[in-house]
Protein backbone atom coordinates (compact mmCIF):
# COMPACT_ATOMS: atom_id res chain seq x y z
CA MET A 1 -51.84 220.45 -119.43
CA THR A 2 -48.08 220.43 -119.89
CA SER A 3 -46.02 223.51 -119.31
CA LEU A 4 -43.18 224.63 -121.52
CA GLN A 5 -39.71 224.67 -120.07
CA PRO A 6 -37.74 227.92 -120.37
CA LEU A 7 -34.93 227.86 -122.90
CA PRO A 8 -31.31 228.58 -122.03
CA VAL A 9 -30.31 232.23 -122.21
CA ASP A 10 -27.93 231.57 -125.13
CA ALA A 11 -30.59 229.84 -127.25
CA GLY A 12 -30.92 232.84 -129.61
CA ILE A 13 -34.62 233.18 -128.87
CA THR A 14 -36.11 236.25 -127.29
CA PRO A 15 -39.38 236.79 -125.51
CA ASN A 16 -41.91 239.21 -126.95
CA PRO A 17 -39.86 242.34 -127.73
CA ALA A 18 -42.93 244.52 -127.27
CA THR A 19 -42.84 243.70 -123.57
CA ALA A 20 -39.08 243.32 -123.21
CA SER A 21 -36.90 246.14 -121.98
CA ALA A 22 -35.56 248.67 -124.46
CA SER A 23 -32.03 247.38 -123.81
CA GLY A 24 -33.02 243.84 -124.87
CA PRO A 25 -31.34 242.12 -127.83
CA LEU A 26 -34.28 242.59 -130.19
CA ALA A 27 -36.67 245.49 -130.48
CA ALA A 28 -39.47 245.84 -132.99
CA ALA A 29 -39.23 249.10 -134.89
CA PRO A 30 -42.37 251.23 -134.62
CA GLY A 31 -44.53 250.78 -137.70
CA SER A 32 -42.76 247.59 -138.75
CA LEU A 33 -44.46 244.34 -139.68
CA LEU A 34 -42.91 242.68 -136.62
CA GLU A 35 -44.34 245.36 -134.34
CA LEU A 36 -47.79 244.93 -135.91
CA VAL A 37 -47.66 241.15 -135.47
CA LEU A 38 -46.58 241.37 -131.84
CA ARG A 39 -49.15 244.05 -131.01
CA SER A 40 -51.90 242.00 -132.66
CA LEU A 41 -50.96 238.87 -130.72
CA ASP A 42 -50.82 240.87 -127.49
CA ASP A 43 -54.25 242.40 -128.19
CA ASP A 44 -55.67 238.91 -128.76
CA GLN A 45 -54.15 237.60 -125.50
CA ALA A 46 -51.73 235.16 -127.09
CA GLN A 47 -49.67 233.24 -124.55
CA GLU A 48 -45.92 232.65 -124.39
CA VAL A 49 -45.07 234.78 -127.42
CA ILE A 50 -41.45 234.46 -128.53
CA THR A 51 -39.52 235.86 -131.46
CA ILE A 52 -36.69 234.01 -133.16
CA PRO A 53 -34.39 236.05 -135.43
CA LEU A 54 -33.76 234.02 -138.60
CA GLU A 55 -31.16 236.21 -140.24
CA GLY A 56 -28.17 234.01 -141.01
CA LYS A 57 -30.18 230.84 -140.23
CA SER A 58 -32.69 230.86 -143.07
CA SER A 59 -33.49 232.84 -146.18
CA VAL A 60 -37.21 232.09 -145.73
CA ALA A 61 -37.90 235.03 -143.40
CA ASP A 62 -36.25 237.55 -141.10
CA HIS A 63 -38.19 236.52 -137.98
CA MET A 64 -40.24 233.65 -136.68
CA VAL A 65 -42.90 234.36 -134.08
CA ILE A 66 -44.32 231.50 -132.02
CA ALA A 67 -47.34 231.89 -129.75
CA SER A 68 -50.01 229.80 -128.07
CA GLY A 69 -53.75 230.14 -127.77
CA ARG A 70 -55.89 228.51 -125.11
CA SER A 71 -58.16 226.68 -127.60
CA THR A 72 -58.60 225.96 -131.29
CA ARG A 73 -61.22 228.71 -131.40
CA GLN A 74 -58.76 231.28 -130.01
CA VAL A 75 -55.96 230.11 -132.34
CA ALA A 76 -58.25 230.43 -135.38
CA ALA A 77 -59.51 233.87 -134.30
CA MET A 78 -55.96 235.15 -133.67
CA ALA A 79 -54.86 233.92 -137.12
CA GLN A 80 -57.79 235.52 -138.94
CA LYS A 81 -57.46 238.84 -137.10
CA LEU A 82 -53.71 238.91 -137.67
CA ALA A 83 -54.19 238.34 -141.41
CA GLU A 84 -56.72 241.19 -141.55
CA ARG A 85 -54.49 243.55 -139.57
CA ILE A 86 -51.50 242.82 -141.81
CA LYS A 87 -53.58 243.49 -144.92
CA HIS A 88 -55.07 246.72 -143.51
CA GLY A 89 -51.61 247.77 -142.31
CA GLY A 90 -50.44 247.84 -145.93
CA PHE A 91 -48.16 244.80 -145.75
CA GLY A 92 -50.06 242.79 -148.37
CA HIS A 93 -51.85 239.48 -148.24
CA VAL A 94 -50.67 236.55 -146.14
CA ARG A 95 -50.87 232.81 -146.67
CA ILE A 96 -52.51 230.80 -143.91
CA GLU A 97 -52.16 227.03 -143.46
CA GLY A 98 -53.90 224.85 -140.89
CA LEU A 99 -56.88 227.07 -140.20
CA PRO A 100 -59.61 224.37 -140.43
CA ALA A 101 -58.18 222.30 -137.54
CA ALA A 102 -56.52 225.27 -135.78
CA ASP A 103 -54.21 223.08 -133.68
CA TRP A 104 -51.22 224.62 -135.46
CA VAL A 105 -51.73 227.56 -137.80
CA LEU A 106 -48.89 228.89 -139.93
CA ILE A 107 -49.10 232.44 -141.22
CA ASP A 108 -46.60 233.43 -143.90
CA ALA A 109 -46.36 237.21 -143.97
CA GLY A 110 -43.24 237.37 -146.12
CA ASP A 111 -40.51 238.67 -143.82
CA ILE A 112 -42.20 237.11 -140.79
CA VAL A 113 -43.49 233.58 -140.28
CA VAL A 114 -45.97 233.15 -137.42
CA HIS A 115 -46.79 229.83 -135.78
CA LEU A 116 -49.89 229.74 -133.58
CA PHE A 117 -50.43 226.61 -131.49
CA ARG A 118 -52.62 225.04 -128.88
CA PRO A 119 -50.24 224.47 -125.90
CA GLU A 120 -50.22 220.66 -126.20
CA VAL A 121 -49.35 220.77 -129.88
CA ARG A 122 -46.66 223.41 -129.29
CA SER A 123 -44.94 221.30 -126.64
CA PHE A 124 -45.08 218.23 -128.93
CA TYR A 125 -43.39 219.92 -131.92
CA ASN A 126 -41.11 222.14 -129.82
CA LEU A 127 -40.07 224.49 -132.65
CA GLU A 128 -38.16 226.70 -130.22
CA ARG A 129 -35.65 223.95 -129.52
CA MET A 130 -35.34 223.04 -133.22
CA TRP A 131 -34.45 226.60 -134.25
CA ALA A 132 -32.15 227.13 -131.25
CA PHE A 133 -30.14 224.00 -132.07
CA GLY A 134 -27.50 225.80 -134.16
CA ASP A 135 -26.91 228.43 -131.48
CA GLN A 136 -25.38 226.05 -128.95
CA GLY A 137 -21.91 226.47 -130.45
CA ALA A 138 -19.48 223.97 -131.87
CA ALA A 139 -18.46 221.09 -129.64
């Protein structure tokens, strides 16, 4: 099993704001969709949860959340529970892609896009590095 390397501090990516200090760069507002997503992933024991702010980078969503599950079964269960919790939380329906294989599941919740991976697949695609690319500054 490969381990993920930590990103540089200036990469523009923050760890799970639900567990970060209150003085951290990003905090999920109580009752927000982001807070619900992070709480759900925490409840389902997601691993290595990070949040990437997309404001100014993309008009697709405000935040991207990336997390890992230990197996395809856990990834699929996390995705299904998250979709249910978002719906019951009053945030509407979500679109889910990749659920049958559950190696990489994408959940489009409107303002938040969630990527759930098995660790090997996550390290292969390395979305964190792709979205941090523009934050390295001009050379």
